[in-house]
Amino acid sequence: MLGIRLKNILVILLSFVVLPSLRAETAGIVSETENMVRYRQADGVEVSLPKCPKRVVIGYGSLVAVWYSAGGKAIAIPDIRTTTTLPPEARDLPSVGFFNSLNTEKILALKPDLVILMEK
């Protein structure tokens, strides 16, 4: 009886843990043109991104410095407690709300080419 029970538990674990990972997509660039990059996320969803976006809204404070370090510029950022850690050129940018309650209307009014968000 114990052997059958263990076997059933193992089958359940395999179906919820191992099998989904076997179907997981590989994240990476799918295709590229002069102006666009098509990227496949780890969940299999493919998105098209502009190669050199000019109007970028950053929706998570920690990503502002990373974006600027990579050579990017932004047109708006979220409310941040202290701006001293931000690149000087990002300190006076307009706010689009707090990272957990971004103002969609403000973001859309800015007509961004790209909005950078965190998954959560």
N, C-alpha and C. Protein backbone atom coordinates (compact mmCIF):
# COMPACT_ATOMS: atom_id res chain seq x y z
N MET A 1 0.81 -1.19 0.00
CA MET A 1 0.00 0.00 0.00
C MET A 1 0.86 1.26 0.00
N LEU A 2 1.94 1.24 0.82
CA LEU A 2 2.83 2.40 0.90
C LEU A 2 3.52 2.63 -0.45
N GLY A 3 3.87 1.56 -1.15
CA GLY A 3 4.52 1.68 -2.45
C GLY A 3 3.62 2.36 -3.47
N ILE A 4 2.35 2.02 -3.49
CA ILE A 4 1.40 2.63 -4.42
C ILE A 4 1.22 4.12 -4.08
N ARG A 5 1.17 4.43 -2.80
CA ARG A 5 0.99 5.82 -2.38
C ARG A 5 2.20 6.66 -2.79
N LEU A 6 3.41 6.14 -2.58
CA LEU A 6 4.63 6.85 -2.99
C LEU A 6 4.66 7.04 -4.50
N LYS A 7 4.24 6.00 -5.22
CA LYS A 7 4.21 6.09 -6.68
C LYS A 7 3.25 7.19 -7.13
N ASN A 8 2.08 7.28 -6.51
CA ASN A 8 1.11 8.32 -6.85
C ASN A 8 1.67 9.71 -6.55
N ILE A 9 2.33 9.86 -5.42
CA ILE A 9 2.93 11.15 -5.06
C ILE A 9 4.01 11.52 -6.07
N LEU A 10 4.81 10.55 -6.48
CA LEU A 10 5.86 10.81 -7.46
C LEU A 10 5.26 11.25 -8.80
N VAL A 11 4.19 10.60 -9.23
CA VAL A 11 3.53 10.98 -10.48
C VAL A 11 2.99 12.40 -10.39
N ILE A 12 2.41 12.76 -9.28
CA ILE A 12 1.89 14.11 -9.10
C ILE A 12 3.03 15.13 -9.13
N LEU A 13 4.11 14.84 -8.41
CA LEU A 13 5.26 15.75 -8.42
C LEU A 13 5.84 15.92 -9.82
N LEU A 14 5.97 14.83 -10.54
CA LEU A 14 6.50 14.91 -11.90
C LEU A 14 5.60 15.76 -12.79
N SER A 15 4.31 15.62 -12.65
CA SER A 15 3.41 16.35 -13.53
C SER A 15 3.38 17.85 -13.22
N PHE A 16 3.68 18.22 -11.98
CA PHE A 16 3.66 19.65 -11.62
C PHE A 16 5.02 20.32 -11.62
N VAL A 17 6.08 19.55 -11.49
CA VAL A 17 7.42 20.14 -11.37
C VAL A 17 8.27 19.87 -12.60
N VAL A 18 8.44 18.64 -12.96
CA VAL A 18 9.37 18.27 -14.03
C VAL A 18 8.79 18.52 -15.41
N LEU A 19 7.59 18.08 -15.68
CA LEU A 19 7.03 18.19 -17.01
C LEU A 19 6.88 19.64 -17.49
N PRO A 20 6.40 20.56 -16.66
CA PRO A 20 6.33 21.95 -17.14
C PRO A 20 7.70 22.50 -17.52
N SER A 21 8.74 22.12 -16.81
CA SER A 21 10.07 22.63 -17.14
C SER A 21 10.57 22.05 -18.46
N LEU A 22 10.10 20.89 -18.85
CA LEU A 22 10.49 20.32 -20.13
C LEU A 22 9.87 21.09 -21.29
N ARG A 23 8.71 21.71 -21.06
CA ARG A 23 8.03 22.47 -22.09
C ARG A 23 8.46 23.94 -22.11
N ALA A 24 9.30 24.35 -21.19
CA ALA A 24 9.69 25.76 -21.09
C ALA A 24 10.39 26.22 -22.35
N GLU A 25 10.09 27.41 -22.76
CA GLU A 25 10.71 28.02 -23.93
C GLU A 25 12.08 28.58 -23.55
N THR A 26 12.93 28.67 -24.53
CA THR A 26 14.22 29.30 -24.32
C THR A 26 14.08 30.78 -24.65
N ALA A 27 14.45 31.61 -23.71
CA ALA A 27 14.36 33.05 -23.93
C ALA A 27 15.50 33.49 -24.84
N GLY A 28 15.23 34.46 -25.69
CA GLY A 28 16.29 34.99 -26.55
C GLY A 28 15.73 35.70 -27.77
N ILE A 29 16.64 36.24 -28.54
CA ILE A 29 16.26 36.96 -29.75
C ILE A 29 15.79 35.98 -30.81
N VAL A 30 14.62 36.25 -31.38
CA VAL A 30 14.04 35.41 -32.41
C VAL A 30 14.42 35.93 -33.79
N SER A 31 14.31 37.25 -33.96
CA SER A 31 14.68 37.87 -35.23
C SER A 31 15.04 39.32 -34.98
N GLU A 32 15.67 39.91 -36.00
CA GLU A 32 16.14 41.27 -35.85
C GLU A 32 16.14 41.97 -37.20
N THR A 33 15.67 43.21 -37.21
CA THR A 33 15.74 44.04 -38.41
C THR A 33 16.55 45.28 -38.06
N GLU A 34 16.62 46.19 -38.97
CA GLU A 34 17.39 47.42 -38.73
C GLU A 34 16.81 48.22 -37.56
N ASN A 35 15.48 48.20 -37.42
CA ASN A 35 14.82 49.03 -36.41
C ASN A 35 14.18 48.28 -35.25
N MET A 36 13.99 46.96 -35.38
CA MET A 36 13.25 46.20 -34.37
C MET A 36 13.98 44.92 -33.98
N VAL A 37 13.71 44.48 -32.76
CA VAL A 37 14.19 43.19 -32.27
C VAL A 37 12.97 42.41 -31.81
N ARG A 38 12.84 41.18 -32.25
CA ARG A 38 11.76 40.31 -31.79
C ARG A 38 12.38 39.37 -30.78
N TYR A 39 11.81 39.38 -29.55
CA TYR A 39 12.39 38.64 -28.43
C TYR A 39 11.37 37.67 -27.86
N ARG A 40 11.82 36.44 -27.55
CA ARG A 40 10.95 35.45 -26.90
C ARG A 40 11.29 35.42 -25.42
N GLN A 41 10.28 35.68 -24.59
CA GLN A 41 10.45 35.63 -23.15
C GLN A 41 10.49 34.18 -22.69
N ALA A 42 10.88 33.96 -21.45
CA ALA A 42 10.96 32.60 -20.90
C ALA A 42 9.60 31.90 -20.88
N ASP A 43 8.51 32.67 -20.83
CA ASP A 43 7.18 32.07 -20.83
C ASP A 43 6.67 31.76 -22.24
N GLY A 44 7.51 32.02 -23.26
CA GLY A 44 7.15 31.72 -24.63
C GLY A 44 6.52 32.87 -25.39
N VAL A 45 6.16 33.93 -24.70
CA VAL A 45 5.54 35.08 -25.35
C VAL A 45 6.61 35.85 -26.12
N GLU A 46 6.30 36.20 -27.37
CA GLU A 46 7.23 36.97 -28.19
C GLU A 46 6.78 38.42 -28.24
N VAL A 47 7.75 39.32 -28.10
CA VAL A 47 7.46 40.75 -28.14
C VAL A 47 8.41 41.42 -29.13
N SER A 48 7.93 42.48 -29.76
CA SER A 48 8.77 43.28 -30.66
C SER A 48 9.15 44.57 -29.93
N LEU A 49 10.43 44.90 -29.98
CA LEU A 49 10.94 46.08 -29.30
C LEU A 49 11.70 46.95 -30.28
N PRO A 50 11.56 48.26 -30.16
CA PRO A 50 12.37 49.15 -31.01
C PRO A 50 13.84 49.06 -30.60
N LYS A 51 14.73 49.09 -31.58
CA LYS A 51 16.17 48.98 -31.27
C LYS A 51 16.70 50.18 -30.51
N CYS A 52 16.34 51.36 -30.90
CA CYS A 52 16.83 52.58 -30.26
C CYS A 52 15.65 53.46 -29.86
N PRO A 53 14.93 53.06 -28.81
CA PRO A 53 13.77 53.84 -28.42
C PRO A 53 14.18 55.24 -27.96
N LYS A 54 13.43 56.23 -28.39
CA LYS A 54 13.73 57.63 -28.06
C LYS A 54 12.93 58.11 -26.86
N ARG A 55 11.73 57.57 -26.67
CA ARG A 55 10.85 58.02 -25.60
C ARG A 55 10.58 56.85 -24.66
N VAL A 56 11.39 56.76 -23.60
CA VAL A 56 11.33 55.63 -22.68
C VAL A 56 10.80 56.09 -21.32
N VAL A 57 9.81 55.37 -20.83
CA VAL A 57 9.31 55.58 -19.48
C VAL A 57 9.77 54.38 -18.65
N ILE A 58 10.39 54.67 -17.51
CA ILE A 58 10.87 53.61 -16.63
C ILE A 58 9.93 53.54 -15.44
N GLY A 59 9.39 52.37 -15.18
CA GLY A 59 8.38 52.20 -14.14
C GLY A 59 8.89 51.62 -12.84
N TYR A 60 10.18 51.43 -12.71
CA TYR A 60 10.73 50.87 -11.47
C TYR A 60 12.04 51.59 -11.17
N GLY A 61 12.12 52.23 -10.02
CA GLY A 61 13.24 53.10 -9.68
C GLY A 61 14.61 52.49 -9.83
N SER A 62 14.77 51.23 -9.45
CA SER A 62 16.08 50.58 -9.52
C SER A 62 16.59 50.43 -10.95
N LEU A 63 15.68 50.47 -11.91
CA LEU A 63 16.09 50.29 -13.30
C LEU A 63 16.57 51.58 -13.96
N VAL A 64 16.34 52.72 -13.32
CA VAL A 64 16.74 54.00 -13.92
C VAL A 64 18.25 54.05 -14.11
N ALA A 65 19.01 53.78 -13.07
CA ALA A 65 20.47 53.83 -13.16
C ALA A 65 21.01 52.78 -14.14
N VAL A 66 20.38 51.62 -14.14
CA VAL A 66 20.81 50.55 -15.06
C VAL A 66 20.60 51.00 -16.50
N TRP A 67 19.43 51.58 -16.78
CA TRP A 67 19.11 52.04 -18.13
C TRP A 67 20.10 53.12 -18.58
N TYR A 68 20.38 54.07 -17.72
CA TYR A 68 21.32 55.14 -18.06
C TYR A 68 22.74 54.60 -18.21
N SER A 69 23.12 53.63 -17.39
CA SER A 69 24.45 53.01 -17.51
C SER A 69 24.63 52.31 -18.84
N ALA A 70 23.51 51.80 -19.39
CA ALA A 70 23.56 51.12 -20.68
C ALA A 70 23.50 52.11 -21.84
N GLY A 71 23.45 53.40 -21.54
CA GLY A 71 23.44 54.42 -22.59
C GLY A 71 22.06 54.94 -22.93
N GLY A 72 21.04 54.49 -22.20
CA GLY A 72 19.68 54.93 -22.48
C GLY A 72 19.35 56.26 -21.82
N LYS A 73 18.27 56.84 -22.26
CA LYS A 73 17.72 58.07 -21.69
C LYS A 73 16.23 57.82 -21.45
N ALA A 74 15.66 58.54 -20.50
CA ALA A 74 14.24 58.37 -20.19
C ALA A 74 13.52 59.70 -20.28
N ILE A 75 12.19 59.63 -20.42
CA ILE A 75 11.37 60.85 -20.42
C ILE A 75 10.54 60.94 -19.14
N ALA A 76 10.45 59.85 -18.37
CA ALA A 76 9.72 59.86 -17.10
C ALA A 76 10.15 58.66 -16.27
N ILE A 77 10.02 58.82 -14.96
CA ILE A 77 10.40 57.76 -14.02
C ILE A 77 9.34 57.70 -12.91
N PRO A 78 9.37 56.65 -12.08
CA PRO A 78 8.41 56.60 -10.96
C PRO A 78 8.85 57.53 -9.83
N ASP A 79 7.94 57.77 -8.89
CA ASP A 79 8.30 58.50 -7.68
C ASP A 79 9.37 57.71 -6.94
N ILE A 80 10.40 58.40 -6.52
CA ILE A 80 11.52 57.76 -5.82
C ILE A 80 11.79 58.56 -4.55
N ARG A 81 12.01 57.84 -3.44
CA ARG A 81 12.25 58.51 -2.16
C ARG A 81 13.39 59.50 -2.21
N THR A 82 14.50 59.04 -2.71
CA THR A 82 15.66 59.92 -2.82
C THR A 82 16.24 59.82 -4.23
N THR A 83 16.52 60.94 -4.81
CA THR A 83 17.02 60.94 -6.18
C THR A 83 18.55 61.06 -6.24
N THR A 84 19.20 61.07 -5.09
CA THR A 84 20.66 61.25 -5.07
C THR A 84 21.41 60.11 -5.75
N THR A 85 20.81 58.93 -5.82
CA THR A 85 21.48 57.80 -6.46
C THR A 85 21.21 57.74 -7.96
N LEU A 86 20.32 58.60 -8.44
CA LEU A 86 20.00 58.62 -9.87
C LEU A 86 21.07 59.38 -10.65
N PRO A 87 21.21 59.07 -11.92
CA PRO A 87 22.08 59.89 -12.76
C PRO A 87 21.56 61.33 -12.74
N PRO A 88 22.43 62.32 -12.73
CA PRO A 88 21.99 63.72 -12.64
C PRO A 88 20.92 64.10 -13.66
N GLU A 89 21.04 63.62 -14.89
CA GLU A 89 20.07 63.99 -15.93
C GLU A 89 18.70 63.36 -15.73
N ALA A 90 18.57 62.40 -14.81
CA ALA A 90 17.28 61.75 -14.56
C ALA A 90 16.58 62.31 -13.33
N ARG A 91 17.25 63.12 -12.55
CA ARG A 91 16.71 63.58 -11.26
C ARG A 91 15.49 64.48 -11.38
N ASP A 92 15.36 65.24 -12.44
CA ASP A 92 14.25 66.17 -12.57
C ASP A 92 13.20 65.72 -13.59
N LEU A 93 13.23 64.46 -13.96
CA LEU A 93 12.24 63.96 -14.92
C LEU A 93 10.85 63.90 -14.29
N PRO A 94 9.80 64.03 -15.09
CA PRO A 94 8.45 63.93 -14.55
C PRO A 94 8.19 62.54 -13.96
N SER A 95 7.31 62.51 -12.98
CA SER A 95 6.94 61.26 -12.32
C SER A 95 5.68 60.67 -12.94
N VAL A 96 5.62 59.35 -12.97
CA VAL A 96 4.42 58.65 -13.45
C VAL A 96 3.76 57.84 -12.33
N GLY A 97 4.02 58.22 -11.09
CA GLY A 97 3.42 57.53 -9.94
C GLY A 97 4.41 56.58 -9.29
N PHE A 98 3.93 55.89 -8.27
CA PHE A 98 4.77 54.91 -7.58
C PHE A 98 4.82 53.61 -8.38
N PHE A 99 5.90 52.85 -8.22
CA PHE A 99 6.11 51.64 -9.02
C PHE A 99 4.94 50.66 -8.90
N ASN A 100 4.27 50.64 -7.76
CA ASN A 100 3.18 49.67 -7.57
C ASN A 100 1.81 50.25 -7.92
N SER A 101 1.78 51.51 -8.33
CA SER A 101 0.51 52.12 -8.76
C SER A 101 0.81 53.21 -9.80
N LEU A 102 1.40 52.80 -10.90
CA LEU A 102 1.76 53.75 -11.95
C LEU A 102 0.50 54.35 -12.57
N ASN A 103 0.60 55.60 -12.96
CA ASN A 103 -0.52 56.31 -13.56
C ASN A 103 -0.51 56.05 -15.08
N THR A 104 -1.37 55.16 -15.50
CA THR A 104 -1.44 54.76 -16.90
C THR A 104 -1.74 55.94 -17.81
N GLU A 105 -2.60 56.82 -17.39
CA GLU A 105 -2.96 57.98 -18.21
C GLU A 105 -1.75 58.89 -18.43
N LYS A 106 -0.96 59.11 -17.38
CA LYS A 106 0.25 59.93 -17.53
C LYS A 106 1.22 59.27 -18.50
N ILE A 107 1.38 57.96 -18.36
CA ILE A 107 2.31 57.23 -19.23
C ILE A 107 1.86 57.34 -20.68
N LEU A 108 0.60 57.07 -20.96
CA LEU A 108 0.09 57.12 -22.33
C LEU A 108 0.16 58.52 -22.91
N ALA A 109 -0.04 59.54 -22.08
CA ALA A 109 0.03 60.92 -22.55
C ALA A 109 1.43 61.29 -23.03
N LEU A 110 2.44 60.61 -22.51
CA LEU A 110 3.82 60.87 -22.91
C LEU A 110 4.18 60.22 -24.25
N LYS A 111 3.31 59.34 -24.75
CA LYS A 111 3.52 58.63 -26.02
C LYS A 111 4.89 57.96 -26.09
N PRO A 112 5.17 57.05 -25.15
CA PRO A 112 6.48 56.40 -25.13
C PRO A 112 6.65 55.37 -26.24
N ASP A 113 7.90 55.16 -26.65
CA ASP A 113 8.25 54.08 -27.56
C ASP A 113 8.41 52.77 -26.79
N LEU A 114 8.78 52.91 -25.51
CA LEU A 114 9.07 51.75 -24.67
C LEU A 114 8.76 52.10 -23.22
N VAL A 115 8.11 51.17 -22.51
CA VAL A 115 7.88 51.31 -21.07
C VAL A 115 8.58 50.13 -20.41
N ILE A 116 9.47 50.41 -19.48
CA ILE A 116 10.22 49.37 -18.79
C ILE A 116 9.59 49.15 -17.42
N LEU A 117 9.14 47.91 -17.18
CA LEU A 117 8.47 47.55 -15.94
C LEU A 117 9.12 46.33 -15.32
N MET A 118 8.79 46.08 -14.07
CA MET A 118 9.22 44.87 -13.38
C MET A 118 8.05 43.89 -13.37
N GLU A 119 8.36 42.61 -13.44
CA GLU A 119 7.32 41.59 -13.36
C GLU A 119 7.03 41.30 -11.91
N LYS A 120 5.82 41.44 -11.51
CA LYS A 120 5.36 41.09 -10.16
C LYS A 120 3.90 41.32 -10.10
